[in-house]
Amino acid sequence: QVQLVESGGGLVQAGGSLRLSCKASGSIIFSINGMGWYRQAPGKQRELVADISRGGKMNYADSVKGRFTISRDNAKNMVYLQMNNLKPEDTAVYYCNVDSWASLGDYWGQGTLVTVAS
């Protein structure tokens, strides 16, 4: 199927930047369509941060527009999230997500913690 491994989380001061990366691997990675990032803060539901279609169409949550940029490298099966001007409310576990036209399912990474100190 598809396995996802995220990296790049950590502790940063408010106003700082981080870049998250997610590497996809597995038997059906050729069939990946959309790729995206979700986050879940303590006590809150998981929410979409940004996603990007195979053709490059991007979609962002209002709370991150103008600060975060999603990108992907189809040849490397990777998706990235550049996060600038981070705020304490961005603190969450960030999850990579992809969907597949072959399995008609979606897949999740294990998550990477982003902590923004005020």
Protein backbone atom coordinates (compact mmCIF):
# COMPACT_ATOMS: atom_id res chain seq x y z
CA GLN A 1 0.00 0.00 0.00
CA VAL A 2 1.43 3.41 0.99
CA GLN A 3 3.67 4.30 3.90
CA LEU A 4 4.29 7.90 4.91
CA VAL A 5 7.13 9.24 7.03
CA GLU A 6 7.10 12.86 8.22
CA SER A 7 10.06 14.87 9.45
CA GLY A 8 10.93 18.43 10.32
CA GLY A 9 8.88 19.14 13.42
CA GLY A 10 10.33 20.70 16.53
CA LEU A 11 10.31 23.62 18.92
CA VAL A 12 10.42 27.13 17.51
CA GLN A 13 9.84 30.63 18.83
CA ALA A 14 6.83 32.62 17.66
CA GLY A 15 7.64 34.31 14.37
CA GLY A 16 10.02 31.54 13.38
CA SER A 17 9.89 29.04 10.54
CA LEU A 18 9.88 25.30 10.06
CA ARG A 19 9.73 23.06 7.02
CA LEU A 20 7.93 19.74 7.22
CA SER A 21 8.65 16.92 4.80
CA CYS A 22 6.77 13.73 4.05
CA LYS A 23 8.12 10.81 2.07
CA ALA A 24 5.75 8.30 0.50
CA SER A 25 6.75 4.74 -0.27
CA GLY A 26 5.01 1.46 -1.01
CA SER A 27 3.53 -0.67 -3.72
CA ILE A 28 0.95 1.77 -5.04
CA ILE A 29 2.68 5.13 -4.78
CA PHE A 30 2.24 5.49 -8.54
CA SER A 31 -1.46 6.01 -7.84
CA ILE A 32 -1.19 8.89 -5.37
CA ASN A 33 -3.50 11.77 -6.22
CA GLY A 34 -3.84 14.45 -3.56
CA MET A 35 -1.27 15.06 -0.86
CA GLY A 36 -1.85 17.18 2.18
CA TRP A 37 -1.13 18.18 5.72
CA TYR A 38 -3.50 18.04 8.67
CA ARG A 39 -2.93 19.00 12.27
CA GLN A 40 -4.40 18.15 15.63
CA ALA A 41 -3.93 20.33 18.67
CA PRO A 42 -4.54 18.99 22.18
CA GLY A 43 -8.25 18.67 22.87
CA LYS A 44 -9.21 19.61 19.32
CA GLN A 45 -10.28 17.76 16.22
CA ARG A 46 -7.90 17.08 13.38
CA GLU A 47 -8.15 19.80 10.75
CA LEU A 48 -6.92 20.34 7.22
CA VAL A 49 -3.97 22.71 6.95
CA ALA A 50 -3.26 22.52 3.23
CA ASP A 51 -3.49 20.12 0.33
CA ILE A 52 -2.22 19.94 -3.21
CA SER A 53 -3.46 17.99 -6.20
CA ARG A 54 -1.22 15.97 -8.45
CA GLY A 55 -1.44 18.81 -10.92
CA GLY A 56 -0.38 21.38 -8.36
CA LYS A 57 -3.64 23.01 -7.32
CA MET A 58 -3.29 24.17 -3.73
CA ASN A 59 -5.83 24.71 -0.99
CA TYR A 60 -5.21 26.30 2.42
CA ALA A 61 -7.04 26.73 5.68
CA ASP A 62 -7.86 30.39 6.26
CA SER A 63 -5.77 30.40 9.43
CA VAL A 64 -2.55 29.66 7.54
CA LYS A 65 -3.05 31.55 4.27
CA GLY A 66 -0.11 33.84 3.56
CA ARG A 67 2.12 32.07 6.11
CA PHE A 68 2.28 28.43 4.98
CA THR A 69 3.18 27.05 1.55
CA ILE A 70 2.57 23.49 0.42
CA SER A 71 4.55 21.93 -2.40
CA ARG A 72 5.22 18.48 -3.80
CA ASP A 73 7.81 16.64 -5.84
CA ASN A 74 6.05 13.88 -7.76
CA ALA A 75 9.32 12.33 -8.92
CA LYS A 76 10.47 11.91 -5.32
CA ASN A 77 7.01 11.13 -3.93
CA MET A 78 7.35 13.90 -1.40
CA VAL A 79 5.21 16.69 -0.04
CA TYR A 80 6.45 19.67 1.93
CA LEU A 81 4.97 22.33 4.16
CA GLN A 82 6.93 25.53 4.61
CA MET A 83 5.65 27.30 7.70
CA ASN A 84 6.61 30.92 8.27
CA ASN A 85 5.63 33.45 10.92
CA LEU A 86 4.57 30.65 13.23
CA LYS A 87 2.18 31.43 16.05
CA PRO A 88 1.57 29.61 19.35
CA GLU A 89 -1.83 28.53 18.01
CA ASP A 90 -0.02 26.55 15.30
CA THR A 91 1.19 24.16 17.99
CA ALA A 92 -0.08 20.70 17.07
CA VAL A 93 0.84 17.30 15.76
CA TYR A 94 1.06 17.59 11.98
CA TYR A 95 0.07 14.63 9.85
CA CYS A 96 0.79 13.89 6.23
CA ASN A 97 -2.08 12.45 4.21
CA VAL A 98 -2.34 11.10 0.67
CA ASP A 99 -5.10 9.46 -1.32
CA SER A 100 -4.84 6.76 -3.95
CA TRP A 101 -6.95 6.11 -7.02
CA ALA A 102 -5.85 2.47 -7.00
CA SER A 103 -7.04 1.60 -3.49
CA LEU A 104 -9.70 4.34 -3.29
CA GLY A 105 -8.35 4.97 0.18
CA ASP A 106 -6.21 7.45 1.99
CA TYR A 107 -3.16 7.02 4.16
CA TRP A 108 -1.69 8.78 7.16
CA GLY A 109 1.77 9.32 8.53
CA GLN A 110 2.63 8.91 12.19
CA GLY A 111 2.69 12.65 12.82
CA THR A 112 5.35 15.14 13.76
CA LEU A 113 5.04 17.55 16.67
CA VAL A 114 5.35 21.28 16.10
CA THR A 115 5.58 23.43 19.21
CA VAL A 116 5.59 27.22 18.93
CA ALA A 117 6.69 29.04 22.06
CA SER A 118 5.42 32.54 22.77
